[in-house]
Protein backbone atom coordinates (compact mmCIF):
# COMPACT_ATOMS: atom_id res chain seq x y z
CA MET A 1 52.70 105.56 161.71
CA PHE A 2 54.11 108.87 160.54
CA GLU A 3 56.16 109.09 163.74
CA LEU A 4 58.36 106.34 162.24
CA LEU A 5 58.50 107.54 158.60
CA LEU A 6 60.65 110.63 159.16
CA PRO A 7 63.41 108.87 161.19
CA MET A 8 63.59 106.09 158.60
CA LEU A 9 63.93 108.57 155.75
CA GLU A 10 66.62 110.40 157.70
CA ARG A 11 68.62 107.20 158.06
CA LEU A 12 68.62 106.74 154.31
CA GLY A 13 71.65 109.04 154.40
CA ILE A 14 73.65 105.92 155.21
CA ILE A 15 72.66 104.61 151.80
CA VAL A 16 74.38 107.58 150.20
CA THR A 17 77.66 106.66 151.89
CA VAL A 18 77.36 102.96 151.04
CA ALA A 19 76.45 103.71 147.44
CA PHE A 20 79.52 105.91 147.02
CA ILE A 21 81.80 103.29 148.59
CA ILE A 22 80.45 100.47 146.45
CA THR A 23 81.37 102.28 143.24
CA ARG A 24 85.04 101.95 144.25
CA PHE A 25 84.89 98.17 143.88
CA ARG A 26 85.76 96.57 140.56
CA PHE A 27 83.15 93.80 140.90
CA PHE A 28 80.38 96.38 141.07
CA ARG A 29 81.61 98.15 137.93
CA GLU A 30 81.54 94.77 136.20
CA LEU A 31 77.92 94.34 137.35
CA ILE A 32 76.96 97.77 136.02
CA ASP A 33 78.65 97.06 132.67
CA ARG A 34 76.76 93.74 132.44
CA LYS A 35 79.99 91.76 132.27
CA LYS A 36 80.35 88.19 133.43
CA LEU A 37 81.85 87.89 136.91
CA ASN A 38 84.34 85.24 137.90
CA ARG A 39 83.82 83.12 141.02
CA ARG A 40 85.85 85.41 143.27
CA GLN A 41 83.91 88.47 142.14
CA HIS A 42 80.63 86.63 142.72
CA VAL A 43 81.63 85.87 146.31
CA MET A 44 82.71 89.48 146.86
CA ALA A 45 79.42 90.79 145.49
CA ILE A 46 77.32 88.46 147.67
CA ALA A 47 79.38 89.31 150.75
CA PHE A 48 79.22 93.04 150.15
CA PHE A 49 75.48 93.22 149.52
CA GLY A 50 74.88 90.86 152.43
CA LEU A 51 76.92 93.23 154.62
CA PHE A 52 74.85 96.09 153.23
CA GLY A 53 71.73 94.26 154.40
CA ILE A 54 73.22 93.72 157.86
CA ILE A 55 74.05 97.43 158.12
CA GLY A 56 70.43 98.15 157.14
CA THR A 57 69.31 95.97 160.05
CA TYR A 58 71.61 97.60 162.62
CA THR A 59 70.61 101.11 161.54
CA GLY A 60 66.94 100.27 162.01
CA ILE A 61 64.64 101.38 164.83
CA THR A 62 63.32 98.90 167.39
CA TYR A 63 59.59 98.79 168.16
CA ASN A 64 58.09 97.18 171.27
CA THR A 65 54.62 95.80 170.59
CA ASN A 66 53.75 95.87 174.32
CA SER A 67 54.89 99.36 175.26
CA LEU A 68 54.32 100.72 171.74
CA GLU A 69 57.59 102.62 172.05
CA PHE A 70 60.34 103.11 169.44
CA GLY A 71 64.00 102.69 170.28
CA SER A 72 66.92 104.56 168.73
CA TRP A 73 69.41 102.02 167.36
CA VAL A 74 69.32 98.23 167.27
CA MET A 75 71.49 96.77 170.01
CA ASN A 76 69.45 93.72 170.99
CA VAL A 77 65.93 92.51 170.22
CA GLY A 78 63.51 91.31 172.86
CA GLN A 79 60.83 88.70 172.31
CA THR A 80 58.13 91.35 171.96
CA GLU A 81 60.25 93.64 169.79
CA ALA A 82 60.71 94.03 166.03
CA ILE A 83 62.93 96.20 163.85
CA ALA A 84 61.83 98.87 161.39
CA ASN A 85 64.82 98.76 159.05
CA SER A 86 66.22 99.29 155.53
CA ARG A 87 67.70 95.78 155.18
CA VAL A 88 65.74 95.08 152.01
CA ILE A 89 67.51 97.88 150.08
CA GLY A 90 70.83 96.01 149.97
CA ILE A 91 69.10 92.77 148.96
CA VAL A 92 67.02 94.45 146.24
CA ALA A 93 70.13 96.17 144.88
CA ALA A 94 71.94 92.79 144.81
CA GLY A 95 69.17 91.13 142.80
CA LEU A 96 68.59 94.04 140.42
CA PHE A 97 72.27 94.41 139.56
CA GLY A 98 73.46 90.80 139.87
CA GLY A 99 70.48 88.53 139.28
CA TYR A 100 69.10 85.58 141.25
CA ARG A 101 72.43 84.16 142.46
CA ILE A 102 73.73 87.35 144.06
CA GLY A 103 70.26 88.44 145.25
CA ILE A 104 69.53 85.13 147.03
CA GLY A 105 73.09 84.98 148.42
CA ALA A 106 72.89 88.47 149.89
CA GLY A 107 69.37 87.74 151.19
CA ALA A 108 70.58 84.57 152.90
CA ILE A 109 73.41 86.40 154.68
CA ALA A 110 71.21 89.30 155.80
CA GLY A 111 68.35 86.90 156.69
CA LEU A 112 70.52 84.60 158.84
CA HIS A 113 71.89 87.61 160.66
CA ARG A 114 68.37 88.88 161.37
CA LEU A 115 67.33 85.43 162.56
CA SER A 116 70.25 85.41 165.00
CA LEU A 117 69.03 88.62 166.62
CA GLY A 118 65.80 86.94 167.76
CA GLY A 119 62.45 88.55 168.39
CA PHE A 120 59.07 87.20 167.47
CA THR A 121 59.51 88.28 163.81
CA GLY A 122 63.07 86.88 163.47
CA ALA A 123 62.15 83.81 161.39
CA ALA A 124 59.65 85.68 159.20
CA CYS A 125 62.14 88.47 158.48
CA GLY A 126 64.91 85.94 157.72
CA ILE A 127 62.70 84.14 155.18
CA SER A 128 61.47 87.39 153.62
CA ALA A 129 65.10 88.51 153.07
CA VAL A 130 65.71 85.49 150.81
CA ILE A 131 62.39 86.04 149.03
CA ALA A 132 63.36 89.69 148.42
CA GLY A 133 66.49 88.41 146.64
CA ILE A 134 64.33 86.15 144.45
CA ILE A 135 61.88 88.97 143.60
CA SER A 136 64.63 91.46 142.68
CA GLY A 137 66.46 88.77 140.69
CA PHE A 138 63.33 88.35 138.58
CA PHE A 139 63.55 92.02 137.53
CA HIS A 140 67.24 91.77 136.66
CA LYS A 141 67.72 92.59 132.94
CA LYS A 142 71.11 91.90 131.38
CA ASP A 143 70.70 93.95 128.24
CA GLN A 144 68.69 96.87 129.60
CA PRO A 145 69.68 99.68 131.97
CA LEU A 146 67.84 99.84 135.30
CA LYS A 147 65.17 102.49 135.71
CA LEU A 148 64.43 104.46 138.86
CA LYS A 149 60.77 103.46 138.60
CA THR A 150 61.73 99.77 138.60
CA ALA A 151 63.91 100.15 141.70
CA LEU A 152 61.15 102.09 143.50
CA LEU A 153 58.46 99.49 142.72
CA VAL A 154 60.66 96.45 143.46
CA GLY A 155 61.81 97.91 146.80
CA SER A 156 58.23 98.70 147.80
CA PHE A 157 56.92 95.32 146.62
CA ALA A 158 59.64 93.35 148.44
CA GLU A 159 58.82 95.18 151.66
CA THR A 160 55.11 94.58 151.13
CA VAL A 161 55.80 90.85 150.75
CA GLN A 162 57.78 90.98 154.00
CA MET A 163 54.81 92.49 155.80
CA GLY A 164 52.63 89.64 154.46
CA ILE A 165 55.14 86.99 155.63
CA ILE A 166 55.20 88.58 159.09
CA LEU A 167 51.40 88.35 159.26
CA ILE A 168 51.48 84.71 158.16
CA GLY A 169 54.49 83.46 160.14
CA ALA A 170 54.92 85.64 163.24
CA LYS A 171 53.19 84.55 166.43
CA PRO A 172 51.14 85.71 168.22
CA PHE A 173 49.07 87.09 165.38
CA HIS A 174 47.68 90.08 167.26
CA GLN A 175 51.21 91.34 167.88
CA ALA A 176 52.14 90.79 164.22
CA TRP A 177 49.02 92.65 163.13
CA ALA A 178 49.72 95.56 165.49
CA LEU A 179 53.31 95.69 164.23
CA VAL A 180 52.35 95.76 160.55
CA GLN A 181 49.77 98.46 161.19
CA GLU A 182 52.42 100.60 162.84
CA ILE A 183 55.51 100.06 160.68
CA GLY A 184 54.11 98.64 157.40
CA ILE A 185 53.46 101.78 155.37
CA PRO A 186 56.55 103.70 156.62
CA MET A 187 58.83 100.76 155.73
CA ILE A 188 57.21 100.21 152.33
CA VAL A 189 57.58 103.89 151.45
CA ALA A 190 61.07 104.33 152.93
CA ASN A 191 62.54 101.20 151.36
CA GLY A 192 60.97 101.93 147.97
CA VAL A 193 62.42 105.44 148.04
CA GLY A 194 65.71 104.07 149.38
CA SER A 195 66.05 101.56 146.54
CA ALA A 196 65.44 104.30 143.96
CA LEU A 197 67.82 106.63 145.79
CA PHE A 198 70.52 103.97 145.83
CA LEU A 199 70.21 103.51 142.05
CA LEU A 200 70.17 107.29 141.47
CA ILE A 201 73.38 107.81 143.44
CA ILE A 202 75.11 104.93 141.67
CA ARG A 203 74.04 106.31 138.30
CA ASN A 204 75.25 109.84 139.10
CA VAL A 205 78.62 108.66 140.39
CA LEU A 206 79.15 106.51 137.33
CA ASN A 207 78.09 109.35 135.04
CA GLU A 208 80.74 111.54 136.63
CA GLU A 209 83.34 108.85 136.02
CA GLU A 210 82.17 108.47 132.44
CA LYS A 211 82.57 112.22 131.97
CA ALA A 212 86.06 112.00 133.42
CA GLY A 213 86.78 109.11 131.06
CA ALA A 214 85.46 111.13 128.12
CA ILE A 215 87.73 114.01 129.10
CA GLN A 216 90.67 111.61 129.19
CA ALA A 217 89.68 110.23 125.78
CA GLN A 218 89.61 113.76 124.39
CA LYS A 219 93.00 114.38 125.96
CA ALA A 220 94.37 111.20 124.36
CA LEU A 221 93.07 112.27 120.95
CA ARG A 222 94.52 115.76 121.42
CA LEU A 223 97.88 114.30 122.39
CA ALA A 224 97.77 111.93 119.41
CA GLU A 225 97.07 114.86 117.11
CA ARG A 226 99.99 116.86 118.54
CA THR A 227 102.44 113.95 118.36
CA ILE A 228 101.54 112.55 114.93
CA SER A 229 103.99 114.78 113.04
CA TYR A 230 106.87 113.40 115.13
CA LEU A 231 105.89 109.72 115.10
CA ARG A 232 105.55 109.80 111.32
CA LYS A 233 109.35 109.87 111.36
CA GLY A 234 109.30 106.52 113.16
CA LEU A 235 110.21 105.52 116.72
CA THR A 236 113.54 107.28 117.18
CA SER A 237 115.26 109.01 120.09
CA ASP A 238 114.34 112.41 118.70
CA SER A 239 110.67 111.61 118.03
CA ALA A 240 110.35 109.82 121.40
CA LEU A 241 111.76 112.86 123.25
CA LYS A 242 109.35 115.26 121.53
CA VAL A 243 106.37 112.96 122.18
CA SER A 244 107.34 112.38 125.83
CA GLN A 245 107.63 116.13 126.45
CA ILE A 246 104.21 116.79 124.92
CA ILE A 247 102.56 114.08 127.05
CA TYR A 248 104.40 115.19 130.21
CA ASP A 249 103.11 118.75 129.80
CA GLU A 250 99.51 117.49 129.56
CA VAL A 251 99.33 114.60 132.05
CA GLU A 252 99.81 114.99 135.80
CA VAL A 253 102.42 112.29 136.41
CA SER A 254 105.96 112.26 137.80
CA ALA A 255 107.65 111.28 134.54
CA ILE A 256 107.08 109.95 131.03
CA SER A 257 109.34 107.45 129.33
CA ILE A 258 109.36 105.74 125.93
CA THR A 259 111.49 102.73 125.05
CA ASN A 260 112.04 100.50 122.08
CA GLU A 261 112.61 96.78 122.52
CA GLU A 262 116.11 97.20 123.95
CA LYS A 263 116.78 100.66 125.38
CA ILE A 264 115.31 103.86 126.75
CA LEU A 265 114.64 106.32 123.93
CA ALA A 266 113.48 109.23 126.10
CA HIS A 267 112.74 110.06 129.75
CA VAL A 268 111.13 113.36 130.77
CA GLY A 269 110.35 114.41 134.35
CA LEU A 270 111.55 113.23 137.76
CA ALA A 271 114.69 111.09 137.95
CA ASP A 272 115.90 112.19 134.53
CA ASP A 273 119.37 112.54 136.06
CA HIS A 274 119.75 108.76 136.26
CA HIS A 275 117.00 107.44 133.95
CA LYS A 276 118.70 108.51 130.74
CA ALA A 277 118.08 108.00 127.05
CA GLY A 278 120.33 105.42 125.45
CA GLU A 279 120.57 103.18 128.53
CA THR A 280 119.56 99.53 128.33
CA ILE A 281 116.15 98.64 129.79
CA GLN A 282 116.54 97.57 133.43
CA THR A 283 112.93 97.16 134.55
CA HIS A 284 111.78 93.53 134.51
CA ALA A 285 108.19 94.75 134.18
CA THR A 286 109.10 96.58 130.96
CA ARG A 287 110.59 93.42 129.49
CA LYS A 288 107.45 91.55 130.52
CA VAL A 289 105.28 94.09 128.65
CA ILE A 290 107.47 93.73 125.54
CA ARG A 291 107.26 89.95 125.80
CA THR A 292 103.53 89.61 126.52
CA GLY A 293 102.08 92.77 124.95
CA SER A 294 99.93 93.42 128.04
CA LEU A 295 99.77 96.48 130.31
CA VAL A 296 101.56 96.17 133.67
CA VAL A 297 101.42 98.25 136.87
CA ALA A 298 104.88 98.09 138.45
CA LYS A 299 105.52 98.78 142.15
CA HIS A 300 108.59 100.64 143.39
CA GLU A 301 110.60 97.45 143.83
CA ASP A 302 109.65 96.32 140.32
CA ILE A 303 111.20 99.42 138.74
CA ASN A 304 114.68 98.01 139.57
CA CYS A 305 116.27 101.43 139.95
CA ASN A 306 119.77 101.30 141.47
CA HIS A 307 119.65 104.95 142.56
CA GLU A 308 119.03 105.24 146.32
CA ASP A 309 117.03 108.48 146.20
CA CYS A 310 114.87 107.65 143.18
CA GLN A 311 111.50 109.39 143.58
CA LEU A 312 109.64 107.14 141.18
CA GLY A 313 107.31 105.09 143.35
CA ALA A 314 105.39 103.15 140.71
CA ALA A 315 104.87 102.93 136.96
CA VAL A 316 102.14 102.06 134.49
CA ILE A 317 103.73 100.42 131.45
CA ALA A 318 101.77 99.99 128.22
CA PRO A 319 102.95 98.33 125.00
CA LEU A 320 103.46 100.23 121.75
CA LYS A 321 102.34 97.93 118.96
CA ARG A 322 102.84 98.12 115.23
CA ARG A 323 100.78 95.60 113.27
CA GLN A 324 100.21 93.59 116.46
CA GLU A 325 103.97 93.41 117.10
CA VAL A 326 105.36 95.11 120.23
CA VAL A 327 108.04 97.61 119.18
CA GLY A 328 108.40 99.50 122.45
CA THR A 329 106.65 100.77 125.58
CA LEU A 330 105.06 103.92 126.95
CA LYS A 331 105.56 104.50 130.69
CA PHE A 332 103.71 106.76 133.12
CA TYR A 333 105.69 107.12 136.37
CA VAL A 334 103.85 108.16 139.56
CA ARG A 335 104.95 108.68 143.18
CA SER A 336 103.11 105.63 144.55
CA GLU A 337 100.90 102.76 143.48
CA LYS A 338 97.92 104.53 145.11
CA SER A 339 98.21 107.24 142.45
CA VAL A 340 97.29 104.73 139.73
CA SER A 341 93.60 105.41 139.08
CA ASN A 342 91.20 103.81 136.62
CA VAL A 343 91.16 107.08 134.68
CA LEU A 344 94.97 107.02 134.36
CA LEU A 345 94.89 103.40 133.22
CA GLU A 346 92.28 104.17 130.57
CA LEU A 347 94.30 107.18 129.41
CA ILE A 348 97.55 105.28 128.92
CA GLN A 349 95.76 102.37 127.23
CA GLY A 350 94.02 104.68 124.78
CA LEU A 351 97.13 106.77 124.18
CA SER A 352 99.40 103.78 123.60
CA ALA A 353 96.90 102.39 121.07
CA LEU A 354 96.76 105.73 119.23
CA LEU A 355 100.55 106.08 119.20
CA GLY A 356 100.84 102.54 117.87
CA GLN A 357 98.44 103.40 115.06
CA GLN A 358 100.56 106.45 114.24
CA LEU A 359 103.62 104.22 113.96
CA GLU A 360 101.68 101.97 111.58
CA ILE A 361 100.69 105.00 109.51
CA ALA A 362 104.33 106.11 109.42
CA ASP A 363 105.36 102.69 108.13
CA ALA A 364 102.59 102.72 105.55
CA GLU A 365 103.58 106.20 104.36
CA ARG A 366 107.22 105.20 104.01
CA ALA A 367 106.23 102.08 102.07
CA GLN A 368 103.93 104.17 99.88
CA GLU A 369 106.74 106.68 99.24
CA LEU A 370 109.16 103.91 98.30
CA ALA A 371 106.55 102.44 95.96
CA ARG A 372 105.96 105.87 94.46
CA GLU A 373 109.69 106.39 93.88
CA ALA A 374 109.98 102.93 92.35
CA GLU A 375 107.06 103.70 90.02
CA VAL A 376 108.59 107.05 89.05
CA LYS A 377 111.89 105.33 88.22
CA ALA A 378 110.06 102.71 86.18
CA LEU A 379 108.17 105.41 84.27
CA GLN A 380 111.40 107.31 83.62
CA ALA A 381 113.06 104.14 82.39
CA GLN A 382 110.20 103.67 79.92
CA VAL A 383 110.83 107.10 78.39
CA ASN A 384 114.56 106.62 77.72
CA PRO A 385 114.45 103.75 75.19
CA HIS A 386 111.46 105.45 73.55
CA PHE A 387 113.62 108.46 72.65
CA LEU A 388 116.75 106.40 71.97
CA PHE A 389 114.95 104.40 69.28
CA ASN A 390 113.90 107.55 67.42
CA SER A 391 117.36 109.14 67.71
CA LEU A 392 119.22 106.07 66.44
CA ASN A 393 116.90 105.95 63.44
CA VAL A 394 117.93 109.52 62.57
CA ILE A 395 121.64 108.76 62.98
CA VAL A 396 121.41 105.60 60.86
CA SER A 397 119.80 107.61 58.08
CA LEU A 398 122.70 110.14 58.14
CA ILE A 399 125.72 107.86 58.46
CA ARG A 400 126.21 107.32 54.72
CA SER A 401 124.83 110.54 53.29
CA GLU A 402 126.17 113.02 55.89
CA PRO A 403 128.75 111.31 58.13
CA ASN A 404 129.95 114.58 59.67
CA ARG A 405 126.43 115.50 60.68
CA ALA A 406 125.92 111.96 62.01
CA ARG A 407 129.09 112.34 64.08
CA ALA A 408 127.88 115.68 65.47
CA LEU A 409 124.55 114.12 66.20
CA LEU A 410 126.17 111.24 68.10
CA ILE A 411 128.09 113.74 70.24
CA ALA A 412 124.87 115.62 70.96
CA LEU A 413 123.16 112.32 71.75
CA SER A 414 125.99 111.38 74.11
CA LYS A 415 125.62 114.66 75.97
CA PHE A 416 121.87 114.22 76.08
CA PHE A 417 122.06 110.74 77.60
CA ARG A 418 124.70 111.80 80.10
CA GLN A 419 122.24 114.41 81.30
CA ASN A 420 119.44 111.85 80.97
CA LEU A 421 121.28 109.32 83.14
CA GLY A 422 121.65 111.88 85.92
CA ALA A 423 117.95 112.65 85.72
CA THR A 424 116.91 109.02 86.32
CA THR A 425 118.86 108.91 89.59
CA ARG A 426 117.05 111.96 91.01
CA ILE A 427 113.48 112.59 91.99
CA TRP A 428 113.59 116.33 91.40
CA THR A 429 115.37 118.65 89.00
CA SER A 430 115.14 122.39 88.39
CA LEU A 431 113.05 123.78 85.56
CA GLY A 432 116.20 125.38 84.14
CA GLU A 433 117.98 122.00 83.93
CA GLU A 434 114.90 120.41 82.39
CA LEU A 435 114.82 123.11 79.70
CA ASN A 436 118.51 122.51 78.92
CA HIS A 437 117.68 118.86 78.58
CA VAL A 438 114.90 119.66 76.10
CA LYS A 439 117.17 122.02 74.13
CA ALA A 440 119.69 119.19 73.70
CA TYR A 441 116.90 116.98 72.43
CA LEU A 442 115.60 119.59 70.02
CA LEU A 443 119.10 120.10 68.63
CA ILE A 444 118.98 116.47 67.55
CA GLU A 445 115.48 116.86 66.14
CA GLU A 446 116.34 120.05 64.24
CA THR A 447 119.14 118.08 62.56
CA ARG A 448 116.60 115.51 61.59
CA PHE A 449 114.10 117.99 60.10
CA VAL A 450 116.75 120.37 58.64
CA ASP A 451 114.90 123.69 57.98
CA LYS A 452 111.48 122.24 58.43
CA LEU A 453 111.32 122.70 62.24
CA HIS A 454 111.44 126.04 64.05
CA VAL A 455 111.49 126.23 67.87
CA HIS A 456 110.55 129.30 69.92
CA TYR A 457 111.20 129.81 73.63
CA GLU A 458 109.14 132.19 75.78
CA ILE A 459 110.68 131.77 79.22
CA GLU A 460 110.33 133.91 82.34
CA GLU A 461 113.71 133.85 84.04
CA SER A 462 112.14 133.99 87.51
CA THR A 463 110.59 130.53 87.01
CA LEU A 464 113.80 128.59 86.31
CA LYS A 465 114.34 127.57 89.94
CA ALA A 466 111.00 125.82 90.23
CA ARG A 467 111.27 122.08 90.93
CA ILE A 468 109.91 119.62 88.42
CA ALA A 469 109.93 115.85 87.92
CA PRO A 470 112.84 114.90 85.58
CA LEU A 471 112.11 113.91 81.97
CA THR A 472 108.78 115.70 81.90
CA LEU A 473 109.13 118.16 79.02
CA GLN A 474 111.07 116.03 76.51
CA PRO A 475 108.26 113.46 75.95
CA LEU A 476 105.79 116.31 75.37
CA VAL A 477 108.04 117.93 72.75
CA GLU A 478 108.66 114.52 71.19
CA ASN A 479 104.90 113.98 71.00
CA CYS A 480 104.51 117.29 69.12
CA ILE A 481 107.14 116.28 66.59
CA LYS A 482 105.99 112.71 66.13
CA HIS A 483 102.23 113.23 65.98
CA GLY A 484 101.74 116.95 65.43
CA ILE A 485 104.07 118.32 62.75
CA LYS A 486 105.71 115.36 61.00
CA GLU A 487 103.16 115.53 58.17
CA ARG A 488 103.74 119.24 57.50
CA GLU A 489 105.83 120.03 54.45
CA GLY A 490 107.41 123.09 56.03
CA ASP A 491 107.04 125.88 58.57
CA ALA A 492 106.57 123.44 61.45
CA GLU A 493 106.70 125.39 64.70
CA ILE A 494 106.96 124.45 68.35
CA THR A 495 106.69 127.03 71.11
CA ILE A 496 107.77 126.31 74.67
CA ARG A 497 106.20 128.84 77.04
CA VAL A 498 106.98 129.10 80.75
CA GLN A 499 105.28 131.79 82.80
CA SER A 500 104.20 132.54 86.37
CA SER A 501 100.54 132.18 87.30
CA GLU A 502 98.39 132.40 90.43
CA GLU A 503 98.59 128.63 90.83
CA GLY A 504 102.38 128.40 90.39
CA VAL A 505 104.37 128.00 87.17
CA LYS A 506 102.45 127.26 83.99
CA ILE A 507 104.32 125.34 81.27
CA SER A 508 102.90 125.02 77.75
CA VAL A 509 104.13 123.15 74.67
CA ILE A 510 102.40 124.50 71.55
CA ASP A 511 102.60 123.20 67.98
CA ASN A 512 100.93 124.18 64.72
CA GLY A 513 100.45 120.59 63.60
CA GLN A 514 97.46 118.62 62.43
CA GLY A 515 95.67 118.50 65.76
CA ILE A 516 93.88 115.63 67.49
CA ASP A 517 90.36 114.36 66.93
CA ALA A 518 87.92 114.67 69.85
CA GLU A 519 87.56 110.93 70.51
CA ARG A 520 91.29 110.37 70.91
CA LEU A 521 91.74 113.65 72.81
CA ASN A 522 89.57 112.44 75.72
CA SER A 523 91.79 109.40 76.39
CA LEU A 524 95.26 110.89 75.88
CA GLY A 525 97.31 110.97 79.05
CA VAL A 526 94.65 109.02 80.94
CA VAL A 527 95.21 105.50 79.56
CA GLU A 528 97.52 103.86 77.09
CA VAL A 529 95.80 104.09 73.70
CA ASN A 530 96.33 101.49 71.04
CA SER A 531 95.85 102.99 67.58
CA GLU A 532 97.59 103.50 64.27
CA GLU A 533 98.94 106.84 65.51
CA GLY A 534 100.64 105.29 68.57
CA THR A 535 100.01 104.09 72.11
CA GLY A 536 100.05 107.42 73.91
CA LEU A 537 102.60 105.90 76.32
CA GLY A 538 104.74 109.05 76.50
CA LEU A 539 101.85 111.32 77.52
CA TYR A 540 100.50 108.69 79.88
CA ASN A 541 103.85 108.37 81.68
CA VAL A 542 104.29 112.13 81.97
CA ASN A 543 100.78 112.55 83.32
CA LYS A 544 101.35 109.81 85.93
CA ARG A 545 104.62 111.40 87.06
CA LEU A 546 103.05 114.83 87.37
CA GLU A 547 100.21 113.37 89.42
CA HIS A 548 102.61 111.48 91.71
CA MET A 549 105.10 114.28 92.19
CA HIS A 550 102.98 117.42 92.16
CA GLY A 551 99.41 116.28 92.84
CA GLU A 552 96.10 116.21 90.99
CA ARG A 553 96.17 119.88 90.06
CA SER A 554 99.29 119.36 87.93
CA LYS A 555 97.82 116.81 85.53
CA LEU A 556 98.11 117.51 81.82
CA LYS A 557 95.60 119.72 80.06
CA ILE A 558 95.38 119.09 76.31
CA GLU A 559 93.59 121.46 73.93
CA SER A 560 93.41 120.62 70.25
CA GLU A 561 91.31 120.83 67.10
CA LEU A 562 91.94 119.05 63.81
CA GLY A 563 93.98 121.28 61.51
CA LYS A 564 94.61 123.93 64.21
CA GLY A 565 97.45 122.47 66.24
CA THR A 566 97.71 121.38 69.87
CA ILE A 567 98.45 123.00 73.23
CA ILE A 568 99.66 120.73 76.04
CA SER A 569 99.99 122.54 79.37
CA PHE A 570 100.33 121.85 83.06
CA VAL A 571 100.99 123.78 86.25
CA ILE A 572 103.59 122.98 88.88
CA PRO A 573 103.77 124.61 92.33
CA ASP A 574 106.27 127.43 92.70
CA PHE A 575 109.60 126.17 94.03
CA ARG A 576 109.07 128.03 97.31
CA GLU A 577 105.98 125.91 97.98
CA GLU A 578 107.29 122.57 96.74
CA VAL A 579 107.68 119.77 99.27
CA PRO A 580 110.35 117.16 98.45
CA ALA A 581 109.10 113.63 97.89
């Protein structure tokens, strides 16, 4: 009994080789992933596992029930001979991975082959092969991973059933009984261990591939992170060249190319002397990818290169999509079609998807920026008529009583609006220009209030180059005059203070007016407020512009108490840190 066990366990090494080979086939990966096979894949799976069973038969050891001697390899089977074999392992694997259909199919192939070899157990072994497929198919679970314990028990049980069928069907009985006594336990143990070993090898090989896939996924994410700053500028020749170079340095391929829908934007690597940026797309496969939006593996002849010595043997071409619309392609060139591995295919698919998402983000950011600029212009346009209405009221009141002063005021107003018009066509202005703008405004207001209004400036010269959103200060000063000091009989004061701080440049507008009550103070600058004192539109617009242009930290800070005046302040980044919108 034990004389047979060791040789059978030794021959399980064949299973290692078969298990490694089977992982190279696509149909088996589909079985492992629990995906539905098409008819062709079903046939391939049945044929392969059936062949596995045949190999298990041929690598068995013959046993003569008369001489009680073991042979070495199966060449032919006499009437008194039987085979101690590992045929059941292939059949059990077929049923466990593929279910009843593949298990029974593989069992039928292996069983018919065993029947053709003859011997007094030929028919019993042929029938038991089909039954092994049925048993293993019963333990097939679509939604659960296979366990080593399951494979061990199913392999042992299927072999035990075979021993029972031999006892029932093989004649003469005394030979069948002698055979089972001699080879039964070794075959049950060996085939149970072999089934578990087969599953273990498959699992380890697939785990290694999954690790390789995870490494490629990490590489794709790293490449996406490195290329995002370039693709945010859109799909241009410059951004495509930078991205192609980054990918080429990381991925072991012959060349990298990026195209739009009509021409090559960049080509880095081999054959860059004749595959040049700016040329019209020549590859039919590339046009097919653009048309269908599906990945294509192109052979050498499909590349359509007119250069005789072109070293590009094959290409993997993936679409670059923006909002489900193909806007270009990403190409990995390799020396031959054999160099196209599953890992490379997964890498280019993942990378092309990530690059496409970056293009979508770039589009969204540009749209957001345009919307932001449009909103800024709309907010600026709201401020202009607000001030114009107040200024015209002052001029109307002076035309009859003081025409010369009205004329001077109109000239000042003309200069102010000339400067104002320039401000509405720009996103940024310097703090120095903004202060000049405010001084022109206050000249008009001082005319209005005669000797009632006094303005003080506390300005650090080093801050005047800082960038600021146009028409920011004037509404704040106007708010002080309109709501803060208009009720004072005299000695109304406004102080404009500009000074450096740790956060940037701090700008404060201070008045000694009547102040603001606590309830109204909480809503100013945050929402438009409808009240007898006004809507708060000016402060609201300024606050929105500061938030859009400089960020959350630049929002207005308002400090006030009734009867003690008001301080409105905000901080803008120093001009050396400012990023243009």
